[in-house]
Structures are given as C-alpha cells and as structure tokens.
Amino acid sequence: MSKILIIDDDLAFLNFLKSYVNERFPKLKVATCVDPLQGLAAISADLDLLLIDLEMPLLDGSKVLKYAIEKGVPKNRTIILSGRDADYLHKRFPMGSCLAVLNKHEIKQKAVLDMIFAALHRKVTA
C-alpha cells in the first residue's frame, strides 16, 4: 500500500481530499493532519507522497517542506498546495524544489493530482 500524508489546516478541504482519494483509489493509504505541528510527527522517509498546504497558522508549508526533506522525504514526492496563483507558486518553489505546486481551488489542477494518485495506485496494484 502507498502511504500518503496530507497536511492542511482547512478541515473541509482535507476531509474532501481524503474521501476523494479513498473512493477513487482504494489501494492508497491516506493519513491527514489538520495541525501542521502534529503533521511534523507523522512525516517519515517512507512516505510515497506528501501534500502540504502552503498557508497554515503556526508553521507555513515551506518550513514543513524543509523539515520533510531533512527527514529523508525526497523532493519529488512532495506537493505544495495553495490558494495562490501559479506564477507566485513557481517563483516561490522553483522547478526541482518539489514534485509540483498546485492551486487547490482550480479545477484543472485536480487533473494533475488525479494523474499522480493514479500512478501511485497502478504501482500498488501491479
């Protein structure tokens, strides 16, 4: 089973994303954390995918990303989610600093997440 961790302080979005993944990709194991400080304890090098909200109280997503990398999570297994526009996100997180930066409110960005979740799901079922 693939291990996915989602850290986001928006509980409604977090619950939606978890139920969406569980419904469409049942072989993926999704853990969630609404508190970024508690999320740090859940980060481990064996994660297959880490999704981090950029704007959170107490600890912003860029600091969580830095911590995850220090814990051994490869950059190419991390996605930054935000309500900010793509230009801002790409300037803040240049290519190579993570797998992707996605605006979590744009429907077209959902297709990117679907491709990533589907690839993980295929890997588990192969």
N, C-alpha and C. Protein backbone atom coordinates (compact mmCIF):
# COMPACT_ATOMS: atom_id res chain seq x y z
N MET A 1 0.82 -1.20 0.00
CA MET A 1 0.00 0.00 0.00
C MET A 1 0.86 1.25 0.00
N SER A 2 0.49 2.23 -0.78
CA SER A 2 1.20 3.50 -0.80
C SER A 2 0.76 4.35 0.38
N LYS A 3 1.72 5.04 0.96
CA LYS A 3 1.44 5.90 2.10
C LYS A 3 1.44 7.36 1.65
N ILE A 4 0.31 8.03 1.88
CA ILE A 4 0.15 9.43 1.54
C ILE A 4 -0.17 10.19 2.82
N LEU A 5 0.49 11.32 3.01
CA LEU A 5 0.19 12.20 4.14
C LEU A 5 -0.21 13.56 3.59
N ILE A 6 -1.34 14.07 4.07
CA ILE A 6 -1.80 15.40 3.68
C ILE A 6 -1.86 16.27 4.93
N ILE A 7 -1.15 17.40 4.88
CA ILE A 7 -1.15 18.35 5.99
C ILE A 7 -1.78 19.64 5.48
N ASP A 8 -2.95 19.98 6.05
CA ASP A 8 -3.69 21.16 5.61
C ASP A 8 -4.59 21.63 6.75
N ASP A 9 -4.57 22.91 7.06
CA ASP A 9 -5.37 23.42 8.17
C ASP A 9 -6.83 23.64 7.80
N ASP A 10 -7.19 23.48 6.54
CA ASP A 10 -8.58 23.61 6.09
C ASP A 10 -9.24 22.24 6.21
N LEU A 11 -9.96 22.04 7.31
CA LEU A 11 -10.54 20.73 7.60
C LEU A 11 -11.50 20.25 6.52
N ALA A 12 -12.31 21.14 5.98
CA ALA A 12 -13.26 20.75 4.94
C ALA A 12 -12.52 20.25 3.69
N PHE A 13 -11.49 20.97 3.27
CA PHE A 13 -10.71 20.55 2.11
C PHE A 13 -10.00 19.24 2.40
N LEU A 14 -9.43 19.12 3.59
CA LEU A 14 -8.72 17.91 4.00
C LEU A 14 -9.63 16.69 3.96
N ASN A 15 -10.82 16.82 4.52
CA ASN A 15 -11.78 15.71 4.52
C ASN A 15 -12.25 15.37 3.11
N PHE A 16 -12.47 16.40 2.29
CA PHE A 16 -12.88 16.16 0.91
C PHE A 16 -11.80 15.38 0.16
N LEU A 17 -10.56 15.83 0.27
CA LEU A 17 -9.47 15.19 -0.47
C LEU A 17 -9.26 13.75 -0.01
N LYS A 18 -9.32 13.52 1.29
CA LYS A 18 -9.14 12.17 1.82
C LYS A 18 -10.26 11.24 1.32
N SER A 19 -11.50 11.69 1.40
CA SER A 19 -12.59 10.83 0.94
C SER A 19 -12.54 10.62 -0.57
N TYR A 20 -12.12 11.63 -1.31
CA TYR A 20 -11.97 11.51 -2.76
C TYR A 20 -10.94 10.43 -3.11
N VAL A 21 -9.79 10.49 -2.47
CA VAL A 21 -8.73 9.50 -2.74
C VAL A 21 -9.19 8.11 -2.32
N ASN A 22 -9.79 8.00 -1.14
CA ASN A 22 -10.25 6.69 -0.66
C ASN A 22 -11.28 6.08 -1.60
N GLU A 23 -12.14 6.90 -2.16
CA GLU A 23 -13.19 6.43 -3.05
C GLU A 23 -12.65 6.01 -4.42
N ARG A 24 -11.80 6.85 -5.01
CA ARG A 24 -11.31 6.61 -6.37
C ARG A 24 -10.09 5.71 -6.44
N PHE A 25 -9.26 5.72 -5.38
CA PHE A 25 -8.00 4.98 -5.38
C PHE A 25 -7.88 4.18 -4.07
N PRO A 26 -8.67 3.13 -3.93
CA PRO A 26 -8.78 2.42 -2.65
C PRO A 26 -7.50 1.75 -2.15
N LYS A 27 -6.53 1.55 -3.01
CA LYS A 27 -5.28 0.92 -2.57
C LYS A 27 -4.30 1.91 -1.94
N LEU A 28 -4.65 3.20 -1.96
CA LEU A 28 -3.77 4.21 -1.37
C LEU A 28 -4.19 4.47 0.07
N LYS A 29 -3.23 4.45 0.96
CA LYS A 29 -3.49 4.70 2.37
C LYS A 29 -3.23 6.18 2.64
N VAL A 30 -4.28 6.90 3.05
CA VAL A 30 -4.19 8.34 3.26
C VAL A 30 -4.29 8.67 4.74
N ALA A 31 -3.29 9.38 5.23
CA ALA A 31 -3.33 9.93 6.59
C ALA A 31 -3.43 11.45 6.45
N THR A 32 -4.14 12.08 7.37
CA THR A 32 -4.30 13.53 7.30
C THR A 32 -3.95 14.17 8.63
N CYS A 33 -3.59 15.42 8.55
CA CYS A 33 -3.28 16.20 9.74
C CYS A 33 -3.72 17.63 9.52
N VAL A 34 -4.59 18.13 10.38
CA VAL A 34 -5.08 19.49 10.26
C VAL A 34 -4.16 20.48 10.98
N ASP A 35 -3.33 19.98 11.88
CA ASP A 35 -2.40 20.81 12.64
C ASP A 35 -0.99 20.57 12.10
N PRO A 36 -0.35 21.60 11.55
CA PRO A 36 0.98 21.40 10.95
C PRO A 36 2.03 20.92 11.95
N LEU A 37 1.92 21.32 13.20
CA LEU A 37 2.89 20.85 14.20
C LEU A 37 2.73 19.36 14.45
N GLN A 38 1.50 18.88 14.51
CA GLN A 38 1.27 17.44 14.65
C GLN A 38 1.67 16.71 13.37
N GLY A 39 1.53 17.39 12.25
CA GLY A 39 1.91 16.80 10.98
C GLY A 39 3.40 16.47 10.91
N LEU A 40 4.21 17.29 11.57
CA LEU A 40 5.66 17.02 11.58
C LEU A 40 5.96 15.64 12.14
N ALA A 41 5.24 15.25 13.18
CA ALA A 41 5.47 13.94 13.80
C ALA A 41 5.09 12.79 12.88
N ALA A 42 4.19 13.05 11.94
CA ALA A 42 3.74 11.99 11.02
C ALA A 42 4.63 11.86 9.79
N ILE A 43 5.55 12.78 9.61
CA ILE A 43 6.42 12.74 8.43
C ILE A 43 7.53 11.72 8.62
N SER A 44 7.67 10.84 7.63
CA SER A 44 8.73 9.84 7.66
C SER A 44 9.25 9.62 6.24
N ALA A 45 10.45 9.11 6.16
CA ALA A 45 11.11 8.93 4.86
C ALA A 45 10.41 7.91 3.97
N ASP A 46 9.55 7.06 4.55
CA ASP A 46 8.89 6.03 3.75
C ASP A 46 7.57 6.50 3.11
N LEU A 47 7.27 7.79 3.20
CA LEU A 47 6.06 8.30 2.55
C LEU A 47 6.22 8.21 1.03
N ASP A 48 5.15 7.81 0.38
CA ASP A 48 5.15 7.78 -1.07
C ASP A 48 4.75 9.13 -1.65
N LEU A 49 3.98 9.91 -0.86
CA LEU A 49 3.55 11.22 -1.30
C LEU A 49 3.20 12.06 -0.09
N LEU A 50 3.65 13.31 -0.11
CA LEU A 50 3.35 14.27 0.95
C LEU A 50 2.75 15.51 0.30
N LEU A 51 1.54 15.86 0.73
CA LEU A 51 0.88 17.07 0.25
C LEU A 51 0.84 18.06 1.41
N ILE A 52 1.33 19.27 1.16
CA ILE A 52 1.45 20.28 2.21
C ILE A 52 0.76 21.56 1.77
N ASP A 53 -0.12 22.08 2.63
CA ASP A 53 -0.72 23.39 2.39
C ASP A 53 0.34 24.45 2.67
N LEU A 54 0.42 25.44 1.81
CA LEU A 54 1.43 26.49 1.99
C LEU A 54 1.08 27.44 3.13
N GLU A 55 -0.15 27.91 3.16
CA GLU A 55 -0.55 28.89 4.16
C GLU A 55 -1.26 28.22 5.34
N MET A 56 -0.54 28.07 6.45
CA MET A 56 -1.10 27.50 7.67
C MET A 56 -0.63 28.33 8.86
N PRO A 57 -1.46 28.39 9.91
CA PRO A 57 -1.01 29.11 11.10
C PRO A 57 0.08 28.34 11.82
N LEU A 58 0.89 29.01 12.56
CA LEU A 58 1.97 28.46 13.37
C LEU A 58 3.19 28.02 12.55
N LEU A 59 2.95 27.37 11.43
CA LEU A 59 4.06 26.82 10.66
C LEU A 59 3.66 26.77 9.19
N ASP A 60 4.33 27.54 8.35
CA ASP A 60 3.91 27.54 6.95
C ASP A 60 4.48 26.35 6.21
N GLY A 61 3.89 26.08 5.05
CA GLY A 61 4.23 24.89 4.29
C GLY A 61 5.67 24.81 3.83
N SER A 62 6.32 25.94 3.60
CA SER A 62 7.72 25.89 3.18
C SER A 62 8.61 25.35 4.30
N LYS A 63 8.26 25.66 5.53
CA LYS A 63 9.02 25.12 6.66
C LYS A 63 8.75 23.62 6.85
N VAL A 64 7.51 23.22 6.61
CA VAL A 64 7.18 21.79 6.67
C VAL A 64 7.94 21.05 5.58
N LEU A 65 8.01 21.62 4.38
CA LEU A 65 8.77 21.02 3.28
C LEU A 65 10.23 20.85 3.65
N LYS A 66 10.82 21.88 4.21
CA LYS A 66 12.23 21.82 4.62
C LYS A 66 12.44 20.70 5.64
N TYR A 67 11.55 20.60 6.62
CA TYR A 67 11.63 19.56 7.64
C TYR A 67 11.51 18.17 6.99
N ALA A 68 10.56 18.02 6.07
CA ALA A 68 10.35 16.73 5.41
C ALA A 68 11.60 16.29 4.65
N ILE A 69 12.23 17.23 3.96
CA ILE A 69 13.45 16.90 3.22
C ILE A 69 14.55 16.47 4.19
N GLU A 70 14.65 17.17 5.31
CA GLU A 70 15.64 16.79 6.33
C GLU A 70 15.36 15.41 6.91
N LYS A 71 14.09 15.01 6.96
CA LYS A 71 13.70 13.69 7.46
C LYS A 71 13.88 12.60 6.42
N GLY A 72 14.25 12.97 5.19
CA GLY A 72 14.51 11.98 4.16
C GLY A 72 13.42 11.80 3.13
N VAL A 73 12.39 12.64 3.16
CA VAL A 73 11.36 12.55 2.13
C VAL A 73 11.91 13.19 0.85
N PRO A 74 11.98 12.44 -0.23
CA PRO A 74 12.50 13.02 -1.47
C PRO A 74 11.64 14.18 -1.96
N LYS A 75 12.29 15.19 -2.52
CA LYS A 75 11.57 16.35 -3.04
C LYS A 75 10.53 15.94 -4.07
N ASN A 76 10.85 14.92 -4.86
CA ASN A 76 9.93 14.51 -5.92
C ASN A 76 8.74 13.70 -5.42
N ARG A 77 8.58 13.64 -4.11
CA ARG A 77 7.40 13.01 -3.52
C ARG A 77 6.58 14.02 -2.72
N THR A 78 6.83 15.29 -2.95
CA THR A 78 6.16 16.34 -2.19
C THR A 78 5.45 17.32 -3.12
N ILE A 79 4.21 17.65 -2.75
CA ILE A 79 3.40 18.62 -3.50
C ILE A 79 3.00 19.73 -2.54
N ILE A 80 3.15 20.96 -3.00
CA ILE A 80 2.71 22.12 -2.24
C ILE A 80 1.34 22.55 -2.78
N LEU A 81 0.37 22.68 -1.88
CA LEU A 81 -0.97 23.13 -2.24
C LEU A 81 -1.18 24.54 -1.72
N SER A 82 -1.89 25.37 -2.49
CA SER A 82 -2.10 26.74 -2.07
C SER A 82 -3.28 27.34 -2.82
N GLY A 83 -3.80 28.42 -2.28
CA GLY A 83 -4.82 29.19 -2.97
C GLY A 83 -4.20 30.27 -3.85
N ARG A 84 -2.89 30.38 -3.83
CA ARG A 84 -2.18 31.40 -4.62
C ARG A 84 -2.11 31.01 -6.10
N ASP A 85 -1.86 32.01 -6.93
CA ASP A 85 -1.79 31.74 -8.37
C ASP A 85 -0.47 31.04 -8.73
N ALA A 86 -0.48 30.43 -9.90
CA ALA A 86 0.65 29.61 -10.34
C ALA A 86 1.95 30.39 -10.45
N ASP A 87 1.89 31.62 -10.93
CA ASP A 87 3.12 32.43 -11.06
C ASP A 87 3.80 32.62 -9.71
N TYR A 88 3.02 32.97 -8.70
CA TYR A 88 3.57 33.15 -7.35
C TYR A 88 4.20 31.84 -6.86
N LEU A 89 3.48 30.76 -7.04
CA LEU A 89 3.95 29.46 -6.54
C LEU A 89 5.23 29.02 -7.23
N HIS A 90 5.31 29.22 -8.55
CA HIS A 90 6.51 28.80 -9.28
C HIS A 90 7.72 29.67 -8.94
N LYS A 91 7.49 30.92 -8.60
CA LYS A 91 8.60 31.78 -8.15
C LYS A 91 9.08 31.36 -6.77
N ARG A 92 8.13 31.03 -5.90
CA ARG A 92 8.46 30.65 -4.52
C ARG A 92 9.09 29.26 -4.46
N PHE A 93 8.64 28.37 -5.33
CA PHE A 93 9.14 26.99 -5.36
C PHE A 93 9.58 26.67 -6.79
N PRO A 94 10.82 27.02 -7.14
CA PRO A 94 11.31 26.76 -8.50
C PRO A 94 11.36 25.27 -8.80
N MET A 95 11.38 24.95 -10.09
CA MET A 95 11.43 23.57 -10.54
C MET A 95 12.54 22.81 -9.81
N GLY A 96 12.20 21.64 -9.32
CA GLY A 96 13.17 20.81 -8.61
C GLY A 96 13.08 20.92 -7.10
N SER A 97 12.36 21.92 -6.59
CA SER A 97 12.25 22.05 -5.14
C SER A 97 11.17 21.13 -4.57
N CYS A 98 10.27 20.65 -5.44
CA CYS A 98 9.25 19.67 -5.06
C CYS A 98 8.66 19.09 -6.35
N LEU A 99 7.81 18.10 -6.20
CA LEU A 99 7.20 17.47 -7.38
C LEU A 99 6.31 18.45 -8.14
N ALA A 100 5.48 19.19 -7.39
CA ALA A 100 4.55 20.12 -8.03
C ALA A 100 4.07 21.15 -7.03
N VAL A 101 3.63 22.28 -7.55
CA VAL A 101 2.92 23.29 -6.77
C VAL A 101 1.57 23.47 -7.45
N LEU A 102 0.51 23.32 -6.68
CA LEU A 102 -0.83 23.33 -7.26
C LEU A 102 -1.75 24.29 -6.52
N ASN A 103 -2.57 25.01 -7.28
CA ASN A 103 -3.61 25.81 -6.69
C ASN A 103 -4.76 24.88 -6.36
N LYS A 104 -5.08 24.78 -5.08
CA LYS A 104 -6.06 23.78 -4.66
C LYS A 104 -7.51 24.17 -4.98
N HIS A 105 -7.73 25.36 -5.51
CA HIS A 105 -9.08 25.80 -5.83
C HIS A 105 -9.37 25.78 -7.32
N GLU A 106 -8.36 25.51 -8.14
CA GLU A 106 -8.57 25.45 -9.59
C GLU A 106 -8.89 24.02 -10.01
N ILE A 107 -9.99 23.86 -10.68
CA ILE A 107 -10.44 22.53 -11.08
C ILE A 107 -9.45 21.84 -12.01
N LYS A 108 -8.75 22.60 -12.85
CA LYS A 108 -7.77 22.00 -13.77
C LYS A 108 -6.60 21.37 -13.01
N GLN A 109 -6.31 21.89 -11.84
CA GLN A 109 -5.22 21.35 -11.03
C GLN A 109 -5.57 19.96 -10.48
N LYS A 110 -6.87 19.70 -10.33
CA LYS A 110 -7.33 18.40 -9.86
C LYS A 110 -6.87 17.29 -10.81
N ALA A 111 -6.81 17.60 -12.09
CA ALA A 111 -6.37 16.61 -13.08
C ALA A 111 -4.93 16.19 -12.82
N VAL A 112 -4.10 17.12 -12.39
CA VAL A 112 -2.70 16.79 -12.07
C VAL A 112 -2.67 15.85 -10.87
N LEU A 113 -3.43 16.17 -9.84
CA LEU A 113 -3.48 15.28 -8.67
C LEU A 113 -4.00 13.90 -9.06
N ASP A 114 -5.02 13.87 -9.90
CA ASP A 114 -5.56 12.58 -10.36
C ASP A 114 -4.48 11.74 -11.05
N MET A 115 -3.67 12.36 -11.88
CA MET A 115 -2.60 11.63 -12.57
C MET A 115 -1.61 11.06 -11.56
N ILE A 116 -1.27 11.84 -10.55
CA ILE A 116 -0.31 11.39 -9.54
C ILE A 116 -0.90 10.26 -8.71
N PHE A 117 -2.15 10.44 -8.25
CA PHE A 117 -2.79 9.39 -7.47
C PHE A 117 -2.96 8.12 -8.31
N ALA A 118 -3.32 8.26 -9.57
CA ALA A 118 -3.50 7.10 -10.45
C ALA A 118 -2.18 6.36 -10.65
N ALA A 119 -1.08 7.09 -10.80
CA ALA A 119 0.24 6.45 -10.97
C ALA A 119 0.61 5.66 -9.71
N LEU A 120 0.36 6.24 -8.55
CA LEU A 120 0.64 5.51 -7.30
C LEU A 120 -0.25 4.28 -7.18
N HIS A 121 -1.50 4.45 -7.55
CA HIS A 121 -2.46 3.34 -7.48
C HIS A 121 -2.05 2.19 -8.40
N ARG A 122 -1.63 2.53 -9.63
CA ARG A 122 -1.16 1.50 -10.57
C ARG A 122 0.07 0.77 -10.01
N LYS A 123 0.96 1.52 -9.40
CA LYS A 123 2.17 0.94 -8.83
C LYS A 123 1.84 -0.10 -7.75
N VAL A 124 0.84 0.21 -6.95
CA VAL A 124 0.43 -0.69 -5.86
C VAL A 124 -0.27 -1.93 -6.40
N THR A 125 -1.06 -1.76 -7.46
CA THR A 125 -1.84 -2.89 -7.97
C THR A 125 -1.08 -3.73 -9.00
N ALA A 126 0.09 -3.27 -9.38
CA ALA A 126 0.88 -4.01 -10.39
C ALA A 126 1.52 -5.25 -9.82
